[in-house]
PDB file of N, CA and C in Angstrom:
ATOM      1  N   MET A   1       4.539  32.064  10.582  1.00  0.00           N
ATOM      2  CA  MET A   1       5.092  30.843  10.017  1.00  0.00           C
ATOM      3  C   MET A   1       6.092  31.211   8.924  1.00  0.00           C
ATOM      4  N   ARG A   2       7.307  30.677   9.022  1.00  0.00           N
ATOM      5  CA  ARG A   2       8.327  30.944   8.011  1.00  0.00           C
ATOM      6  C   ARG A   2       8.136  30.022   6.830  1.00  0.00           C
ATOM      7  N   ARG A   3       8.348  30.553   5.649  1.00  0.00           N
ATOM      8  CA  ARG A   3       8.242  29.761   4.423  1.00  0.00           C
ATOM      9  C   ARG A   3       9.644  29.348   3.984  1.00  0.00           C
ATOM     10  N   ILE A   4       9.758  28.173   3.407  1.00  0.00           N
ATOM     11  CA  ILE A   4      11.036  27.682   2.908  1.00  0.00           C
ATOM     12  C   ILE A   4      11.267  28.282   1.524  1.00  0.00           C
ATOM     13  N   ASP A   5      12.451  28.797   1.299  1.00  0.00           N
ATOM     14  CA  ASP A   5      12.805  29.391   0.010  1.00  0.00           C
ATOM     15  C   ASP A   5      13.418  28.312  -0.883  1.00  0.00           C
ATOM     16  N   TYR A   6      12.701  27.924  -1.917  1.00  0.00           N
ATOM     17  CA  TYR A   6      13.159  26.914  -2.867  1.00  0.00           C
ATOM     18  C   TYR A   6      13.756  27.527  -4.129  1.00  0.00           C
ATOM     19  N   SER A   7      13.906  28.820  -4.159  1.00  0.00           N
ATOM     20  CA  SER A   7      14.299  29.492  -5.403  1.00  0.00           C
ATOM     21  C   SER A   7      15.701  29.119  -5.891  1.00  0.00           C
ATOM     22  N   ASP A   8      16.560  28.618  -5.031  1.00  0.00           N
ATOM     23  CA  ASP A   8      17.913  28.254  -5.453  1.00  0.00           C
ATOM     24  C   ASP A   8      18.017  26.814  -5.963  1.00  0.00           C
ATOM     25  N   ILE A   9      16.900  26.085  -5.977  1.00  0.00           N
ATOM     26  CA  ILE A   9      16.904  24.703  -6.463  1.00  0.00           C
ATOM     27  C   ILE A   9      16.539  24.708  -7.940  1.00  0.00           C
ATOM     28  N   PRO A  10      17.412  24.218  -8.803  1.00  0.00           N
ATOM     29  CA  PRO A  10      17.099  24.234 -10.239  1.00  0.00           C
ATOM     30  C   PRO A  10      15.975  23.249 -10.571  1.00  0.00           C
ATOM     31  N   ALA A  11      15.219  23.562 -11.600  1.00  0.00           N
ATOM     32  CA  ALA A  11      14.143  22.687 -12.056  1.00  0.00           C
ATOM     33  C   ALA A  11      14.743  21.414 -12.650  1.00  0.00           C
ATOM     34  N   SER A  12      14.053  20.301 -12.505  1.00  0.00           N
ATOM     35  CA  SER A  12      14.503  19.037 -13.088  1.00  0.00           C
ATOM     36  C   SER A  12      14.145  18.997 -14.563  1.00  0.00           C
ATOM     37  N   SER A  13      15.057  18.439 -15.337  1.00  0.00           N
ATOM     38  CA  SER A  13      14.806  18.309 -16.771  1.00  0.00           C
ATOM     39  C   SER A  13      13.871  17.132 -17.018  1.00  0.00           C
ATOM     40  N   PRO A  14      13.233  17.074 -18.184  1.00  0.00           N
ATOM     41  CA  PRO A  14      12.389  15.920 -18.500  1.00  0.00           C
ATOM     42  C   PRO A  14      13.164  14.598 -18.431  1.00  0.00           C
ATOM     43  N   GLU A  15      14.436  14.615 -18.815  1.00  0.00           N
ATOM     44  CA  GLU A  15      15.258  13.403 -18.747  1.00  0.00           C
ATOM     45  C   GLU A  15      15.478  12.975 -17.299  1.00  0.00           C
ATOM     46  N   GLN A  16      15.726  13.937 -16.436  1.00  0.00           N
ATOM     47  CA  GLN A  16      15.920  13.618 -15.022  1.00  0.00           C
ATOM     48  C   GLN A  16      14.630  13.055 -14.416  1.00  0.00           C
ATOM     49  N   LEU A  17      13.509  13.672 -14.750  1.00  0.00           N
ATOM     50  CA  LEU A  17      12.235  13.186 -14.228  1.00  0.00           C
ATOM     51  C   LEU A  17      11.929  11.785 -14.726  1.00  0.00           C
ATOM     52  N   LYS A  18      12.250  11.509 -15.978  1.00  0.00           N
ATOM     53  CA  LYS A  18      11.998  10.189 -16.545  1.00  0.00           C
ATOM     54  C   LYS A  18      12.873   9.121 -15.876  1.00  0.00           C
ATOM     55  N   ALA A  19      14.095   9.500 -15.478  1.00  0.00           N
ATOM     56  CA  ALA A  19      15.040   8.557 -14.870  1.00  0.00           C
ATOM     57  C   ALA A  19      14.703   8.252 -13.409  1.00  0.00           C
ATOM     58  N   MET A  20      13.854   9.063 -12.791  1.00  0.00           N
ATOM     59  CA  MET A  20      13.506   8.839 -11.391  1.00  0.00           C
ATOM     60  C   MET A  20      12.673   7.582 -11.265  1.00  0.00           C
ATOM     61  N   ARG A  21      12.850   6.909 -10.156  1.00  0.00           N
ATOM     62  CA  ARG A  21      12.071   5.698  -9.944  1.00  0.00           C
ATOM     63  C   ARG A  21      11.104   5.904  -8.795  1.00  0.00           C
ATOM     64  N   ARG A  22      10.054   5.138  -8.831  1.00  0.00           N
ATOM     65  CA  ARG A  22       9.030   5.212  -7.803  1.00  0.00           C
ATOM     66  C   ARG A  22       9.589   4.662  -6.504  1.00  0.00           C
ATOM     67  N   VAL A  23       9.263   5.303  -5.410  1.00  0.00           N
ATOM     68  CA  VAL A  23       9.676   4.841  -4.093  1.00  0.00           C
ATOM     69  C   VAL A  23       8.491   4.130  -3.453  1.00  0.00           C
ATOM     70  N   GLY A  24       8.747   3.020  -2.824  1.00  0.00           N
ATOM     71  CA  GLY A  24       7.681   2.285  -2.160  1.00  0.00           C
ATOM     72  C   GLY A  24       7.473   0.932  -2.815  1.00  0.00           C
ATOM     73  N   ARG A  25       6.421   0.284  -2.415  1.00  0.00           N
ATOM     74  CA  ARG A  25       6.129  -1.043  -2.934  1.00  0.00           C
ATOM     75  C   ARG A  25       5.598  -0.955  -4.361  1.00  0.00           C
ATOM     76  N   PRO A  26       5.946  -1.929  -5.186  1.00  0.00           N
ATOM     77  CA  PRO A  26       5.400  -1.932  -6.545  1.00  0.00           C
ATOM     78  C   PRO A  26       3.921  -2.286  -6.516  1.00  0.00           C
ATOM     79  N   PRO A  27       3.151  -1.736  -7.460  1.00  0.00           N
ATOM     80  CA  PRO A  27       1.730  -2.101  -7.481  1.00  0.00           C
ATOM     81  C   PRO A  27       1.549  -3.573  -7.822  1.00  0.00           C
ATOM     82  N   LEU A  28       0.565  -4.205  -7.218  1.00  0.00           N
ATOM     83  CA  LEU A  28       0.255  -5.603  -7.484  1.00  0.00           C
ATOM     84  C   LEU A  28      -0.967  -5.656  -8.392  1.00  0.00           C
ATOM     85  N   GLY A  29      -0.878  -6.398  -9.468  1.00  0.00           N
ATOM     86  CA  GLY A  29      -2.023  -6.530 -10.364  1.00  0.00           C
ATOM     87  C   GLY A  29      -2.130  -5.378 -11.340  1.00  0.00           C
ATOM     88  N   ASP A  30      -3.278  -5.296 -11.986  1.00  0.00           N
ATOM     89  CA  ASP A  30      -3.490  -4.294 -13.022  1.00  0.00           C
ATOM     90  C   ASP A  30      -3.736  -2.904 -12.454  1.00  0.00           C
ATOM     91  N   GLU A  31      -4.277  -2.841 -11.277  1.00  0.00           N
ATOM     92  CA  GLU A  31      -4.656  -1.569 -10.686  1.00  0.00           C
ATOM     93  C   GLU A  31      -3.950  -1.409  -9.347  1.00  0.00           C
ATOM     94  N   PRO A  32      -3.352  -0.256  -9.073  1.00  0.00           N
ATOM     95  CA  PRO A  32      -2.684  -0.096  -7.782  1.00  0.00           C
ATOM     96  C   PRO A  32      -3.689  -0.158  -6.630  1.00  0.00           C
ATOM     97  N   ARG A  33      -3.258  -0.683  -5.531  1.00  0.00           N
ATOM     98  CA  ARG A  33      -4.128  -0.767  -4.364  1.00  0.00           C
ATOM     99  C   ARG A  33      -4.253   0.603  -3.727  1.00  0.00           C
ATOM    100  N   ARG A  34      -5.325   0.797  -2.995  1.00  0.00           N
ATOM    101  CA  ARG A  34      -5.594   2.080  -2.357  1.00  0.00           C
ATOM    102  C   ARG A  34      -5.273   2.003  -0.878  1.00  0.00           C
ATOM    103  N   LEU A  35      -4.634   3.028  -0.397  1.00  0.00           N
ATOM    104  CA  LEU A  35      -4.297   3.127   1.013  1.00  0.00           C
ATOM    105  C   LEU A  35      -5.521   3.633   1.771  1.00  0.00           C
ATOM    106  N   ILE A  36      -5.939   2.874   2.785  1.00  0.00           N
ATOM    107  CA  ILE A  36      -7.061   3.276   3.633  1.00  0.00           C
ATOM    108  C   ILE A  36      -6.675   3.057   5.082  1.00  0.00           C
ATOM    109  N   ALA A  37      -7.475   3.564   5.969  1.00  0.00           N
ATOM    110  CA  ALA A  37      -7.281   3.307   7.400  1.00  0.00           C
ATOM    111  C   ALA A  37      -8.569   2.695   7.932  1.00  0.00           C
ATOM    112  N   ILE A  38      -8.447   1.578   8.623  1.00  0.00           N
ATOM    113  CA  ILE A  38      -9.601   0.950   9.248  1.00  0.00           C
ATOM    114  C   ILE A  38      -9.240   0.599  10.684  1.00  0.00           C
ATOM    115  N   ARG A  39     -10.257   0.421  11.489  1.00  0.00           N
ATOM    116  CA  ARG A  39     -10.045   0.011  12.881  1.00  0.00           C
ATOM    117  C   ARG A  39     -10.515  -1.425  13.030  1.00  0.00           C
ATOM    118  N   VAL A  40      -9.648  -2.262  13.569  1.00  0.00           N
ATOM    119  CA  VAL A  40      -9.997  -3.658  13.831  1.00  0.00           C
ATOM    120  C   VAL A  40      -9.585  -3.994  15.261  1.00  0.00           C
ATOM    121  N   ASP A  41     -10.246  -4.979  15.801  1.00  0.00           N
ATOM    122  CA  ASP A  41      -9.891  -5.434  17.150  1.00  0.00           C
ATOM    123  C   ASP A  41      -8.451  -5.941  17.155  1.00  0.00           C
ATOM    124  N   PRO A  42      -7.709  -5.668  18.234  1.00  0.00           N
ATOM    125  CA  PRO A  42      -6.325  -6.151  18.317  1.00  0.00           C
ATOM    126  C   PRO A  42      -6.205  -7.657  18.133  1.00  0.00           C
ATOM    127  N   SER A  43      -7.160  -8.415  18.658  1.00  0.00           N
ATOM    128  CA  SER A  43      -7.077  -9.874  18.534  1.00  0.00           C
ATOM    129  C   SER A  43      -7.268 -10.311  17.081  1.00  0.00           C
ATOM    130  N   VAL A  44      -8.120  -9.611  16.345  1.00  0.00           N
ATOM    131  CA  VAL A  44      -8.330  -9.928  14.930  1.00  0.00           C
ATOM    132  C   VAL A  44      -7.047  -9.646  14.146  1.00  0.00           C
ATOM    133  N   LEU A  45      -6.451  -8.496  14.401  1.00  0.00           N
ATOM    134  CA  LEU A  45      -5.214  -8.136  13.710  1.00  0.00           C
ATOM    135  C   LEU A  45      -4.108  -9.136  14.018  1.00  0.00           C
ATOM    136  N   GLU A  46      -3.977  -9.511  15.264  1.00  0.00           N
ATOM    137  CA  GLU A  46      -2.935 -10.471  15.640  1.00  0.00           C
ATOM    138  C   GLU A  46      -3.174 -11.824  14.975  1.00  0.00           C
ATOM    139  N   SER A  47      -4.423 -12.242  14.881  1.00  0.00           N
ATOM    140  CA  SER A  47      -4.730 -13.508  14.196  1.00  0.00           C
ATOM    141  C   SER A  47      -4.335 -13.452  12.729  1.00  0.00           C
ATOM    142  N   PHE A  48      -4.622 -12.336  12.067  1.00  0.00           N
ATOM    143  CA  PHE A  48      -4.221 -12.191  10.670  1.00  0.00           C
ATOM    144  C   PHE A  48      -2.699 -12.196  10.538  1.00  0.00           C
ATOM    145  N   ARG A  49      -2.023 -11.521  11.445  1.00  0.00           N
ATOM    146  CA  ARG A  49      -0.556 -11.487  11.373  1.00  0.00           C
ATOM    147  C   ARG A  49       0.044 -12.876  11.571  1.00  0.00           C
ATOM    148  N   LYS A  50      -0.484 -13.641  12.513  1.00  0.00           N
ATOM    149  CA  LYS A  50       0.017 -15.008  12.744  1.00  0.00           C
ATOM    150  C   LYS A  50      -0.213 -15.887  11.523  1.00  0.00           C
ATOM    151  N   GLU A  51      -1.422 -15.820  10.972  1.00  0.00           N
ATOM    152  CA  GLU A  51      -1.730 -16.634   9.794  1.00  0.00           C
ATOM    153  C   GLU A  51      -0.892 -16.199   8.597  1.00  0.00           C
ATOM    154  N   ALA A  52      -0.672 -14.910   8.453  1.00  0.00           N
ATOM    155  CA  ALA A  52       0.155 -14.413   7.349  1.00  0.00           C
ATOM    156  C   ALA A  52       1.593 -14.909   7.476  1.00  0.00           C
ATOM    157  N   ARG A  53       2.128 -14.908   8.691  1.00  0.00           N
ATOM    158  CA  ARG A  53       3.482 -15.439   8.896  1.00  0.00           C
ATOM    159  C   ARG A  53       3.537 -16.919   8.536  1.00  0.00           C
ATOM    160  N   ARG A  54       2.505 -17.662   8.937  1.00  0.00           N
ATOM    161  CA  ARG A  54       2.459 -19.097   8.633  1.00  0.00           C
ATOM    162  C   ARG A  54       2.452 -19.333   7.120  1.00  0.00           C
ATOM    163  N   ARG A  55       1.730 -18.479   6.395  1.00  0.00           N
ATOM    164  CA  ARG A  55       1.628 -18.625   4.935  1.00  0.00           C
ATOM    165  C   ARG A  55       2.763 -17.926   4.179  1.00  0.00           C
ATOM    166  N   HIS A  56       3.609 -17.202   4.901  1.00  0.00           N
ATOM    167  CA  HIS A  56       4.722 -16.444   4.301  1.00  0.00           C
ATOM    168  C   HIS A  56       4.212 -15.390   3.320  1.00  0.00           C
ATOM    169  N   VAL A  57       3.183 -14.657   3.751  1.00  0.00           N
ATOM    170  CA  VAL A  57       2.668 -13.519   2.989  1.00  0.00           C
ATOM    171  C   VAL A  57       2.500 -12.352   3.953  1.00  0.00           C
ATOM    172  N   GLY A  58       2.293 -11.171   3.408  1.00  0.00           N
ATOM    173  CA  GLY A  58       2.030 -10.015   4.242  1.00  0.00           C
ATOM    174  C   GLY A  58       0.620 -10.083   4.821  1.00  0.00           C
ATOM    175  N   TYR A  59       0.452  -9.526   6.019  1.00  0.00           N
ATOM    176  CA  TYR A  59      -0.873  -9.611   6.640  1.00  0.00           C
ATOM    177  C   TYR A  59      -1.899  -8.773   5.890  1.00  0.00           C
ATOM    178  N   GLN A  60      -1.485  -7.662   5.280  1.00  0.00           N
ATOM    179  CA  GLN A  60      -2.428  -6.854   4.512  1.00  0.00           C
ATOM    180  C   GLN A  60      -2.844  -7.588   3.243  1.00  0.00           C
ATOM    181  N   THR A  61      -1.918  -8.319   2.638  1.00  0.00           N
ATOM    182  CA  THR A  61      -2.249  -9.147   1.484  1.00  0.00           C
ATOM    183  C   THR A  61      -3.267 -10.202   1.877  1.00  0.00           C
ATOM    184  N   LEU A  62      -3.076 -10.823   3.030  1.00  0.00           N
ATOM    185  CA  LEU A  62      -4.008 -11.840   3.508  1.00  0.00           C
ATOM    186  C   LEU A  62      -5.385 -11.235   3.770  1.00  0.00           C
ATOM    187  N   ILE A  63      -5.434 -10.078   4.401  1.00  0.00           N
ATOM    188  CA  ILE A  63      -6.716  -9.411   4.650  1.00  0.00           C
ATOM    189  C   ILE A  63      -7.412  -9.119   3.324  1.00  0.00           C
ATOM    190  N   ASN A  64      -6.668  -8.642   2.327  1.00  0.00           N
ATOM    191  CA  ASN A  64      -7.250  -8.369   1.014  1.00  0.00           C
ATOM    192  C   ASN A  64      -7.804  -9.652   0.386  1.00  0.00           C
ATOM    193  N   GLU A  65      -7.058 -10.748   0.494  1.00  0.00           N
ATOM    194  CA  GLU A  65      -7.520 -12.025  -0.073  1.00  0.00           C
ATOM    195  C   GLU A  65      -8.803 -12.504   0.608  1.00  0.00           C
ATOM    196  N   VAL A  66      -8.864 -12.386   1.936  1.00  0.00           N
ATOM    197  CA  VAL A  66     -10.047 -12.817   2.674  1.00  0.00           C
ATOM    198  C   VAL A  66     -11.256 -11.967   2.287  1.00  0.00           C
ATOM    199  N   LEU A  67     -11.069 -10.662   2.194  1.00  0.00           N
ATOM    200  CA  LEU A  67     -12.170  -9.778   1.800  1.00  0.00           C
ATOM    201  C   LEU A  67     -12.628 -10.059   0.369  1.00  0.00           C
ATOM    202  N   ALA A  68     -11.669 -10.258  -0.534  1.00  0.00           N
ATOM    203  CA  ALA A  68     -12.017 -10.543  -1.942  1.00  0.00           C
ATOM    204  C   ALA A  68     -12.788 -11.854  -2.051  1.00  0.00           C
ATOM    205  N   GLU A  69     -12.383 -12.870  -1.287  1.00  0.00           N
ATOM    206  CA  GLU A  69     -13.087 -14.153  -1.305  1.00  0.00           C
ATOM    207  C   GLU A  69     -14.504 -14.011  -0.762  1.00  0.00           C
ATOM    208  N   HIS A  70     -14.645 -13.228   0.287  1.00  0.00           N
ATOM    209  CA  HIS A  70     -15.974 -12.977   0.847  1.00  0.00           C
ATOM    210  C   HIS A  70     -16.864 -12.296  -0.208  1.00  0.00           C
ATOM    211  N   ILE A  71     -16.350 -11.327  -0.904  1.00  0.00           N
ATOM    212  CA  ILE A  71     -17.118 -10.640  -1.953  1.00  0.00           C
ATOM    213  C   ILE A  71     -17.533 -11.623  -3.034  1.00  0.00           C
ATOM    214  N   ARG A  72     -16.594 -12.457  -3.483  1.00  0.00           N
ATOM    215  CA  ARG A  72     -16.898 -13.434  -4.539  1.00  0.00           C
ATOM    216  C   ARG A  72     -17.993 -14.409  -4.110  1.00  0.00           C
ATOM    217  N   LYS A  73     -17.923 -14.891  -2.870  1.00  0.00           N
ATOM    218  CA  LYS A  73     -18.848 -15.927  -2.413  1.00  0.00           C
ATOM    219  C   LYS A  73     -20.188 -15.366  -1.925  1.00  0.00           C
ATOM    220  N   ASP A  74     -20.129 -14.337  -1.097  1.00  0.00           N
ATOM    221  CA  ASP A  74     -21.319 -13.928  -0.358  1.00  0.00           C
ATOM    222  C   ASP A  74     -21.972 -12.628  -0.810  1.00  0.00           C
ATOM    223  N   VAL A  75     -21.279 -11.830  -1.587  1.00  0.00           N
ATOM    224  CA  VAL A  75     -21.832 -10.525  -1.945  1.00  0.00           C
ATOM    225  C   VAL A  75     -22.206 -10.449  -3.415  1.00  0.00           C
ATOM    226  N   ALA A  76     -21.356 -10.958  -4.278  1.00  0.00           N
ATOM    227  CA  ALA A  76     -21.589 -10.805  -5.719  1.00  0.00           C
ATOM    228  C   ALA A  76     -22.725 -11.629  -6.236  1.00  0.00           C
TER     229      ALA A  76
END
């Protein structure tokens, strides 16, 4: 396996590092959300996607809201 030689790339200064911006979605709320992988039935996923489109929200946001509501009502 060949290794990539990074020796010709200069180190970033603290100012350069500070000026860099985060790539990706901004965190929602006080705590960033965690990336996980779960398996769901295709019909369940499609139902969430349809309902999310109807509500004009992301389907993952909708899944999070449904799970959080379930925790508040039935688990806590």
